[in-house]
C-alpha atoms as a PDB file:
ATOM      1  CA  UNK A   1       0.000   0.000   0.000  1.00  0.00           C
ATOM      2  CA  UNK A   2       2.835   2.391   0.792  1.00  0.00           C
ATOM      3  CA  UNK A   3       4.421   1.543  -2.547  1.00  0.00           C
ATOM      4  CA  UNK A   4       1.392   3.125  -4.215  1.00  0.00           C
ATOM      5  CA  UNK A   5       2.420   6.504  -2.792  1.00  0.00           C
ATOM      6  CA  UNK A   6       4.177   8.599  -5.460  1.00  0.00           C
ATOM      7  CA  UNK A   7       7.055   9.435  -3.121  1.00  0.00           C
ATOM      8  CA  UNK A   8       7.729   5.932  -1.780  1.00  0.00           C
ATOM      9  CA  UNK A   9       9.792   3.176  -3.364  1.00  0.00           C
ATOM     10  CA  UNK A  10       9.569  -0.289  -1.782  1.00  0.00           C
ATOM     11  CA  UNK A  11       9.588  -3.082  -4.311  1.00  0.00           C
ATOM     12  CA  UNK A  12       9.856  -6.709  -3.328  1.00  0.00           C
ATOM     13  CA  UNK A  13      11.284  -8.183  -0.150  1.00  0.00           C
ATOM     14  CA  UNK A  14      15.044  -8.242  -0.735  1.00  0.00           C
ATOM     15  CA  UNK A  15      15.679 -11.323   1.433  1.00  0.00           C
ATOM     16  CA  UNK A  16      19.380 -10.464   1.602  1.00  0.00           C
ATOM     17  CA  UNK A  17      19.219  -7.479   3.973  1.00  0.00           C
ATOM     18  CA  UNK A  18      18.005  -9.370   7.077  1.00  0.00           C
ATOM     19  CA  UNK A  19      20.337 -12.281   6.261  1.00  0.00           C
ATOM     20  CA  UNK A  20      23.411 -10.033   6.217  1.00  0.00           C
ATOM     21  CA  UNK A  21      22.236  -8.180   9.328  1.00  0.00           C
ATOM     22  CA  UNK A  22      22.016 -11.529  11.099  1.00  0.00           C
ATOM     23  CA  UNK A  23      25.597 -12.314  10.064  1.00  0.00           C
ATOM     24  CA  UNK A  24      26.865  -9.034  11.511  1.00  0.00           C
ATOM     25  CA  UNK A  25      24.989  -9.717  14.746  1.00  0.00           C
ATOM     26  CA  UNK A  26      26.429 -13.234  14.945  1.00  0.00           C
ATOM     27  CA  UNK A  27      29.979 -11.965  14.363  1.00  0.00           C
ATOM     28  CA  UNK A  28      29.683  -9.526  17.237  1.00  0.00           C
ATOM     29  CA  UNK A  29      28.064 -12.000  19.603  1.00  0.00           C
ATOM     30  CA  UNK A  30      30.914 -14.443  19.052  1.00  0.00           C
ATOM     31  CA  UNK A  31      33.605 -12.801  21.120  1.00  0.00           C
ATOM     32  CA  UNK A  32      36.507 -14.787  19.686  1.00  0.00           C
ATOM     33  CA  UNK A  33      35.450 -14.181  16.088  1.00  0.00           C
ATOM     34  CA  UNK A  34      35.017 -10.481  16.794  1.00  0.00           C
ATOM     35  CA  UNK A  35      38.521 -10.359  18.290  1.00  0.00           C
ATOM     36  CA  UNK A  36      39.930 -12.050  15.181  1.00  0.00           C
ATOM     37  CA  UNK A  37      38.273  -9.458  12.961  1.00  0.00           C
ATOM     38  CA  UNK A  38      39.635  -6.570  15.020  1.00  0.00           C
ATOM     39  CA  UNK A  39      43.109  -8.119  15.036  1.00  0.00           C
ATOM     40  CA  UNK A  40      42.936  -8.313  11.238  1.00  0.00           C
ATOM     41  CA  UNK A  41      42.066  -4.615  11.075  1.00  0.00           C
ATOM     42  CA  UNK A  42      38.401  -5.225  10.243  1.00  0.00           C
ATOM     43  CA  UNK A  43      37.014  -2.715  12.713  1.00  0.00           C
ATOM     44  CA  UNK A  44      33.379  -2.108  13.599  1.00  0.00           C
ATOM     45  CA  UNK A  45      33.559   1.168  11.669  1.00  0.00           C
ATOM     46  CA  UNK A  46      34.587  -0.672   8.498  1.00  0.00           C
ATOM     47  CA  UNK A  47      31.753  -3.187   8.886  1.00  0.00           C
ATOM     48  CA  UNK A  48      29.223  -0.434   9.632  1.00  0.00           C
ATOM     49  CA  UNK A  49      30.287   1.686   6.646  1.00  0.00           C
ATOM     50  CA  UNK A  50      30.075  -1.376   4.405  1.00  0.00           C
ATOM     51  CA  UNK A  51      26.633  -2.297   5.749  1.00  0.00           C
ATOM     52  CA  UNK A  52      25.382   1.246   5.239  1.00  0.00           C
ATOM     53  CA  UNK A  53      26.515   1.212   1.602  1.00  0.00           C
ATOM     54  CA  UNK A  54      25.191  -2.312   1.042  1.00  0.00           C
ATOM     55  CA  UNK A  55      21.712  -1.609   2.387  1.00  0.00           C
ATOM     56  CA  UNK A  56      21.469   1.697   0.540  1.00  0.00           C
ATOM     57  CA  UNK A  57      22.507   0.158  -2.782  1.00  0.00           C
ATOM     58  CA  UNK A  58      20.122  -2.781  -2.459  1.00  0.00           C
ATOM     59  CA  UNK A  59      17.138  -0.567  -1.609  1.00  0.00           C
ATOM     60  CA  UNK A  60      17.980   2.053  -4.200  1.00  0.00           C
ATOM     61  CA  UNK A  61      18.665  -0.304  -7.087  1.00  0.00           C
ATOM     62  CA  UNK A  62      16.725  -3.555  -6.678  1.00  0.00           C
ATOM     63  CA  UNK A  63      13.479  -2.239  -8.190  1.00  0.00           C
ATOM     64  CA  UNK A  64      15.230  -0.638 -11.145  1.00  0.00           C
ATOM     65  CA  UNK A  65      13.201   2.538 -10.582  1.00  0.00           C
ATOM     66  CA  UNK A  66      14.316   6.121 -10.427  1.00  0.00           C
ATOM     67  CA  UNK A  67      11.682   8.377  -8.929  1.00  0.00           C
ATOM     68  CA  UNK A  68      11.640  11.972 -10.117  1.00  0.00           C
ATOM     69  CA  UNK A  69      10.160  13.268  -6.862  1.00  0.00           C
ATOM     70  CA  UNK A  70      12.016  13.181  -3.533  1.00  0.00           C
ATOM     71  CA  UNK A  71      11.475   9.596  -2.442  1.00  0.00           C
ATOM     72  CA  UNK A  72      11.461   7.480   0.664  1.00  0.00           C
ATOM     73  CA  UNK A  73      13.206   4.154   0.278  1.00  0.00           C
ATOM     74  CA  UNK A  74      11.325   1.356   1.969  1.00  0.00           C
ATOM     75  CA  UNK A  75      12.621  -2.021   3.157  1.00  0.00           C
ATOM     76  CA  UNK A  76       9.786  -4.555   3.202  1.00  0.00           C
ATOM     77  CA  UNK A  77      11.752  -7.395   4.792  1.00  0.00           C
ATOM     78  CA  UNK A  78       9.922  -7.964   8.102  1.00  0.00           C
ATOM     79  CA  UNK A  79      12.933  -9.534   9.852  1.00  0.00           C
ATOM     80  CA  UNK A  80      14.889  -6.297   9.444  1.00  0.00           C
ATOM     81  CA  UNK A  81      13.009  -5.132  12.542  1.00  0.00           C
ATOM     82  CA  UNK A  82      14.890  -7.727  14.565  1.00  0.00           C
ATOM     83  CA  UNK A  83      17.879  -5.409  14.094  1.00  0.00           C
ATOM     84  CA  UNK A  84      16.151  -2.016  14.328  1.00  0.00           C
ATOM     85  CA  UNK A  85      18.559  -0.555  16.885  1.00  0.00           C
ATOM     86  CA  UNK A  86      21.613  -1.407  14.778  1.00  0.00           C
ATOM     87  CA  UNK A  87      20.056  -0.229  11.500  1.00  0.00           C
ATOM     88  CA  UNK A  88      18.996   2.966  13.229  1.00  0.00           C
ATOM     89  CA  UNK A  89      22.627   3.604  14.137  1.00  0.00           C
ATOM     90  CA  UNK A  90      23.522   3.254  10.445  1.00  0.00           C
ATOM     91  CA  UNK A  91      20.652   5.456   9.261  1.00  0.00           C
ATOM     92  CA  UNK A  92      19.815   7.987  12.001  1.00  0.00           C
ATOM     93  CA  UNK A  93      16.872   9.453  10.052  1.00  0.00           C
ATOM     94  CA  UNK A  94      15.276   6.059   9.384  1.00  0.00           C
ATOM     95  CA  UNK A  95      11.821   5.185  10.679  1.00  0.00           C
ATOM     96  CA  UNK A  96      10.212   1.845  11.413  1.00  0.00           C
ATOM     97  CA  UNK A  97       6.698   0.449  11.199  1.00  0.00           C
ATOM     98  CA  UNK A  98       6.004  -2.673  13.236  1.00  0.00           C
ATOM     99  CA  UNK A  99       2.911  -4.386  11.877  1.00  0.00           C
ATOM    100  CA  UNK A 100       1.287  -6.450  14.623  1.00  0.00           C
ATOM    101  CA  UNK A 101      -1.214  -9.156  13.758  1.00  0.00           C
ATOM    102  CA  UNK A 102      -2.986 -11.795  15.821  1.00  0.00           C
ATOM    103  CA  UNK A 103      -0.425 -14.567  16.234  1.00  0.00           C
ATOM    104  CA  UNK A 104      -3.018 -17.253  15.597  1.00  0.00           C
ATOM    105  CA  UNK A 105      -3.753 -15.765  12.181  1.00  0.00           C
ATOM    106  CA  UNK A 106      -0.031 -15.572  11.466  1.00  0.00           C
ATOM    107  CA  UNK A 107       0.450 -19.206  12.512  1.00  0.00           C
ATOM    108  CA  UNK A 108      -2.414 -20.294  10.266  1.00  0.00           C
ATOM    109  CA  UNK A 109      -0.879 -18.420   7.348  1.00  0.00           C
ATOM    110  CA  UNK A 110       2.594 -19.881   7.902  1.00  0.00           C
ATOM    111  CA  UNK A 111       1.316 -23.454   8.061  1.00  0.00           C
ATOM    112  CA  UNK A 112      -1.288 -23.293   5.316  1.00  0.00           C
ATOM    113  CA  UNK A 113       1.007 -21.514   2.861  1.00  0.00           C
ATOM    114  CA  UNK A 114       3.810 -23.935   3.759  1.00  0.00           C
ATOM    115  CA  UNK A 115       6.270 -21.134   4.390  1.00  0.00           C
ATOM    116  CA  UNK A 116       9.694 -22.575   5.099  1.00  0.00           C
ATOM    117  CA  UNK A 117      11.384 -21.351   8.253  1.00  0.00           C
ATOM    118  CA  UNK A 118      14.074 -23.579   9.836  1.00  0.00           C
ATOM    119  CA  UNK A 119      12.557 -23.619  13.334  1.00  0.00           C
ATOM    120  CA  UNK A 120       9.069 -24.631  12.158  1.00  0.00           C
ATOM    121  CA  UNK A 121       7.953 -28.254  11.911  1.00  0.00           C
ATOM    122  CA  UNK A 122       4.716 -27.695  10.035  1.00  0.00           C
ATOM    123  CA  UNK A 123       2.451 -27.510  13.091  1.00  0.00           C
ATOM    124  CA  UNK A 124       0.333 -24.590  14.217  1.00  0.00           C
ATOM    125  CA  UNK A 125       1.908 -24.816  17.655  1.00  0.00           C
ATOM    126  CA  UNK A 126       5.480 -24.379  16.388  1.00  0.00           C
ATOM    127  CA  UNK A 127       4.375 -21.507  14.143  1.00  0.00           C
ATOM    128  CA  UNK A 128       2.735 -19.733  17.076  1.00  0.00           C
ATOM    129  CA  UNK A 129       5.822 -20.212  19.281  1.00  0.00           C
ATOM    130  CA  UNK A 130       7.879 -18.704  16.468  1.00  0.00           C
ATOM    131  CA  UNK A 131       5.525 -15.712  16.299  1.00  0.00           C
ATOM    132  CA  UNK A 132       5.701 -15.225  20.075  1.00  0.00           C
ATOM    133  CA  UNK A 133       9.507 -15.269  20.144  1.00  0.00           C
ATOM    134  CA  UNK A 134       9.899 -13.089  17.049  1.00  0.00           C
ATOM    135  CA  UNK A 135       7.337 -10.495  18.109  1.00  0.00           C
ATOM    136  CA  UNK A 136       8.894 -10.207  21.559  1.00  0.00           C
ATOM    137  CA  UNK A 137      12.218  -9.281  19.975  1.00  0.00           C
ATOM    138  CA  UNK A 138      10.602  -6.931  17.474  1.00  0.00           C
ATOM    139  CA  UNK A 139       8.606  -5.065  20.110  1.00  0.00           C
ATOM    140  CA  UNK A 140      11.769  -4.751  22.208  1.00  0.00           C
ATOM    141  CA  UNK A 141      13.710  -3.403  19.239  1.00  0.00           C
ATOM    142  CA  UNK A 142      10.858  -1.021  18.461  1.00  0.00           C
ATOM    143  CA  UNK A 143      11.007   0.314  22.012  1.00  0.00           C
ATOM    144  CA  UNK A 144      14.783   0.759  21.797  1.00  0.00           C
ATOM    145  CA  UNK A 145      14.500   3.186  18.865  1.00  0.00           C
ATOM    146  CA  UNK A 146      11.702   5.074  20.632  1.00  0.00           C
ATOM    147  CA  UNK A 147       9.674   7.563  18.603  1.00  0.00           C
ATOM    148  CA  UNK A 148      11.290   6.360  15.380  1.00  0.00           C
ATOM    149  CA  UNK A 149       9.152   3.203  15.521  1.00  0.00           C
ATOM    150  CA  UNK A 150       5.376   3.100  15.066  1.00  0.00           C
ATOM    151  CA  UNK A 151       3.307   0.063  16.005  1.00  0.00           C
ATOM    152  CA  UNK A 152       0.340  -0.612  13.734  1.00  0.00           C
ATOM    153  CA  UNK A 153      -2.262  -3.298  14.215  1.00  0.00           C
ATOM    154  CA  UNK A 154      -3.121  -5.175  11.046  1.00  0.00           C
ATOM    155  CA  UNK A 155      -6.708  -5.465  12.208  1.00  0.00           C
ATOM    156  CA  UNK A 156      -7.018  -1.678  12.564  1.00  0.00           C
ATOM    157  CA  UNK A 157      -5.583  -1.192   9.078  1.00  0.00           C
ATOM    158  CA  UNK A 158      -8.142  -3.567   7.581  1.00  0.00           C
ATOM    159  CA  UNK A 159     -11.106  -2.087   9.462  1.00  0.00           C
ATOM    160  CA  UNK A 160     -10.146   1.604   9.142  1.00  0.00           C
ATOM    161  CA  UNK A 161      -7.654   1.873   6.280  1.00  0.00           C
ATOM    162  CA  UNK A 162      -7.936   5.611   5.637  1.00  0.00           C
ATOM    163  CA  UNK A 163      -7.483   6.618   9.275  1.00  0.00           C
ATOM    164  CA  UNK A 164      -4.545   4.269   9.833  1.00  0.00           C
ATOM    165  CA  UNK A 165      -2.835   5.166   6.562  1.00  0.00           C
ATOM    166  CA  UNK A 166      -3.144   8.869   7.354  1.00  0.00           C
ATOM    167  CA  UNK A 167      -1.434   8.226  10.691  1.00  0.00           C
ATOM    168  CA  UNK A 168       1.303   6.213   8.979  1.00  0.00           C
ATOM    169  CA  UNK A 169       1.988   8.869   6.351  1.00  0.00           C
ATOM    170  CA  UNK A 170       2.064  11.566   9.021  1.00  0.00           C
ATOM    171  CA  UNK A 171       4.567   9.467  10.976  1.00  0.00           C
ATOM    172  CA  UNK A 172       6.685   9.147   7.811  1.00  0.00           C
ATOM    173  CA  UNK A 173       6.345  12.892   7.171  1.00  0.00           C
ATOM    174  CA  UNK A 174       4.718  12.318   3.819  1.00  0.00           C
ATOM    175  CA  UNK A 175       1.701  14.109   2.337  1.00  0.00           C
ATOM    176  CA  UNK A 176      -1.593  12.280   2.017  1.00  0.00           C
ATOM    177  CA  UNK A 177      -2.178  10.477  -1.280  1.00  0.00           C
ATOM    178  CA  UNK A 178      -5.447   8.677  -2.116  1.00  0.00           C
ATOM    179  CA  UNK A 179      -3.410   6.256  -4.224  1.00  0.00           C
ATOM    180  CA  UNK A 180      -2.547   4.269  -1.098  1.00  0.00           C
ATOM    181  CA  UNK A 181      -6.229   3.310  -0.791  1.00  0.00           C
ATOM    182  CA  UNK A 182      -6.315   1.839  -4.286  1.00  0.00           C
ATOM    183  CA  UNK A 183      -3.016   0.008  -4.400  1.00  0.00           C
ATOM    184  CA  UNK A 184      -4.533  -2.771  -6.498  1.00  0.00           C
ATOM    185  CA  UNK A 185      -5.227  -0.293  -9.312  1.00  0.00           C
ATOM    186  CA  UNK A 186      -1.715   1.141  -9.144  1.00  0.00           C
ATOM    187  CA  UNK A 187      -0.409  -2.426  -9.214  1.00  0.00           C
ATOM    188  CA  UNK A 188      -2.380  -3.221 -12.372  1.00  0.00           C
ATOM    189  CA  UNK A 189      -0.728  -0.211 -14.014  1.00  0.00           C
ATOM    190  CA  UNK A 190       2.641  -1.869 -13.508  1.00  0.00           C
ATOM    191  CA  UNK A 191       3.906   0.826 -11.157  1.00  0.00           C
ATOM    192  CA  UNK A 192       4.468  -1.484  -8.186  1.00  0.00           C
ATOM    193  CA  UNK A 193       6.957  -4.317  -8.176  1.00  0.00           C
ATOM    194  CA  UNK A 194       5.926  -7.573  -6.517  1.00  0.00           C
ATOM    195  CA  UNK A 195       7.657 -10.921  -6.560  1.00  0.00           C
ATOM    196  CA  UNK A 196       5.951 -14.073  -7.765  1.00  0.00           C
ATOM    197  CA  UNK A 197       7.942 -15.880  -5.085  1.00  0.00           C
ATOM    198  CA  UNK A 198       6.416 -13.994  -2.139  1.00  0.00           C
ATOM    199  CA  UNK A 199       3.578 -16.015  -0.545  1.00  0.00           C
ATOM    200  CA  UNK A 200       1.328 -12.945  -0.212  1.00  0.00           C
ATOM    201  CA  UNK A 201       1.713 -11.735  -3.801  1.00  0.00           C
ATOM    202  CA  UNK A 202      -1.585 -13.257  -4.929  1.00  0.00           C
ATOM    203  CA  UNK A 203      -3.382 -11.196  -2.266  1.00  0.00           C
ATOM    204  CA  UNK A 204      -1.604  -7.891  -2.841  1.00  0.00           C
ATOM    205  CA  UNK A 205      -3.360  -7.398  -6.168  1.00  0.00           C
ATOM    206  CA  UNK A 206      -6.738  -7.371  -4.402  1.00  0.00           C
ATOM    207  CA  UNK A 207      -8.487  -4.624  -2.479  1.00  0.00           C
ATOM    208  CA  UNK A 208      -8.368  -4.833   1.321  1.00  0.00           C
ATOM    209  CA  UNK A 209     -10.854  -7.384   2.633  1.00  0.00           C
ATOM    210  CA  UNK A 210     -12.041  -8.126   6.168  1.00  0.00           C
ATOM    211  CA  UNK A 211     -12.641 -11.859   5.826  1.00  0.00           C
ATOM    212  CA  UNK A 212      -8.949 -12.478   6.519  1.00  0.00           C
ATOM    213  CA  UNK A 213      -9.272 -11.273  10.100  1.00  0.00           C
ATOM    214  CA  UNK A 214     -11.111 -14.271  11.516  1.00  0.00           C
ATOM    215  CA  UNK A 215     -10.485 -16.940   8.885  1.00  0.00           C
ATOM    216  CA  UNK A 216      -8.021 -18.686  11.208  1.00  0.00           C
ATOM    217  CA  UNK A 217     -10.926 -19.621  13.490  1.00  0.00           C
ATOM    218  CA  UNK A 218     -12.404 -21.736  10.703  1.00  0.00           C
ATOM    219  CA  UNK A 219      -9.200 -23.320   9.460  1.00  0.00           C
ATOM    220  CA  UNK A 220      -7.274 -24.234  12.626  1.00  0.00           C
ATOM    221  CA  UNK A 221      -8.050 -27.096  15.061  1.00  0.00           C
ATOM    222  CA  UNK A 222      -9.976 -26.291  18.220  1.00  0.00           C
ATOM    223  CA  UNK A 223      -7.215 -27.901  20.296  1.00  0.00           C
ATOM    224  CA  UNK A 224      -4.769 -25.325  18.915  1.00  0.00           C
ATOM    225  CA  UNK A 225      -7.147 -22.436  19.586  1.00  0.00           C
ATOM    226  CA  UNK A 226      -7.675 -23.622  23.162  1.00  0.00           C
ATOM    227  CA  UNK A 227      -3.942 -23.926  23.894  1.00  0.00           C
ATOM    228  CA  UNK A 228      -2.879 -20.777  22.034  1.00  0.00           C
ATOM    229  CA  UNK A 229      -2.852 -18.426  25.088  1.00  0.00           C
ATOM    230  CA  UNK A 230      -0.480 -20.779  26.895  1.00  0.00           C
ATOM    231  CA  UNK A 231       1.725 -21.347  23.850  1.00  0.00           C
ATOM    232  CA  UNK A 232       2.052 -17.614  23.205  1.00  0.00           C
ATOM    233  CA  UNK A 233       1.546 -15.456  26.336  1.00  0.00           C
ATOM    234  CA  UNK A 234       2.282 -12.406  24.194  1.00  0.00           C
ATOM    235  CA  UNK A 235      -1.203 -12.751  22.685  1.00  0.00           C
ATOM    236  CA  UNK A 236      -2.769 -11.559  25.932  1.00  0.00           C
ATOM    237  CA  UNK A 237      -0.160  -8.841  26.478  1.00  0.00           C
ATOM    238  CA  UNK A 238      -0.980  -7.412  23.062  1.00  0.00           C
ATOM    239  CA  UNK A 239      -4.697  -7.500  23.783  1.00  0.00           C
ATOM    240  CA  UNK A 240      -5.705 -10.528  21.725  1.00  0.00           C
ATOM    241  CA  UNK A 241      -8.317 -12.583  23.548  1.00  0.00           C
END
């Protein structure tokens, strides 16, 4: 939806940005490896400068677009938020939007679309545990960057798209554009890049619909629904009954 805005350039999920961010995090958590890098003259400043250039080049070039108006580059990779504090240090003017959705709906989507994540075993329970762990880290990272991170509930966006999108654009310091409410039309014009490999691509070309909010109740086992609050305590903390 943001990609429909004339001053925003998102494109597809890059996949590579969160992977490389994870590598940097792993290097620094491994004390001995970090010491070896420093001994070899590969300082944190060198890594940070390289990461800054890498992320900028990927975001600026992967869609092949060149916007004539002042643009906001957008990274769609959701796992980038696991490293928000570090990325914020690389790009001090960056802003972050944490999209929060009912973990049971997320679990249903992960299992039913057969999305491959190493820690998942194909069950709703493992998918929900993954959501709980991931969202805990993301909300913590969001808090660490303070006012530079905005939390948005997916359910609010679906039920009140105009109000929520106005808040988002204000947060991003962008003017209102009605194009964000008709992203499917902008997509049909070929002005938005989506990947055929992304599981949600077949839904992006449709208008916002509310049936997705509660569909998990019809497609997941009752035993899973009953145990969900114990599997993922974060559900209750985020206000999901």
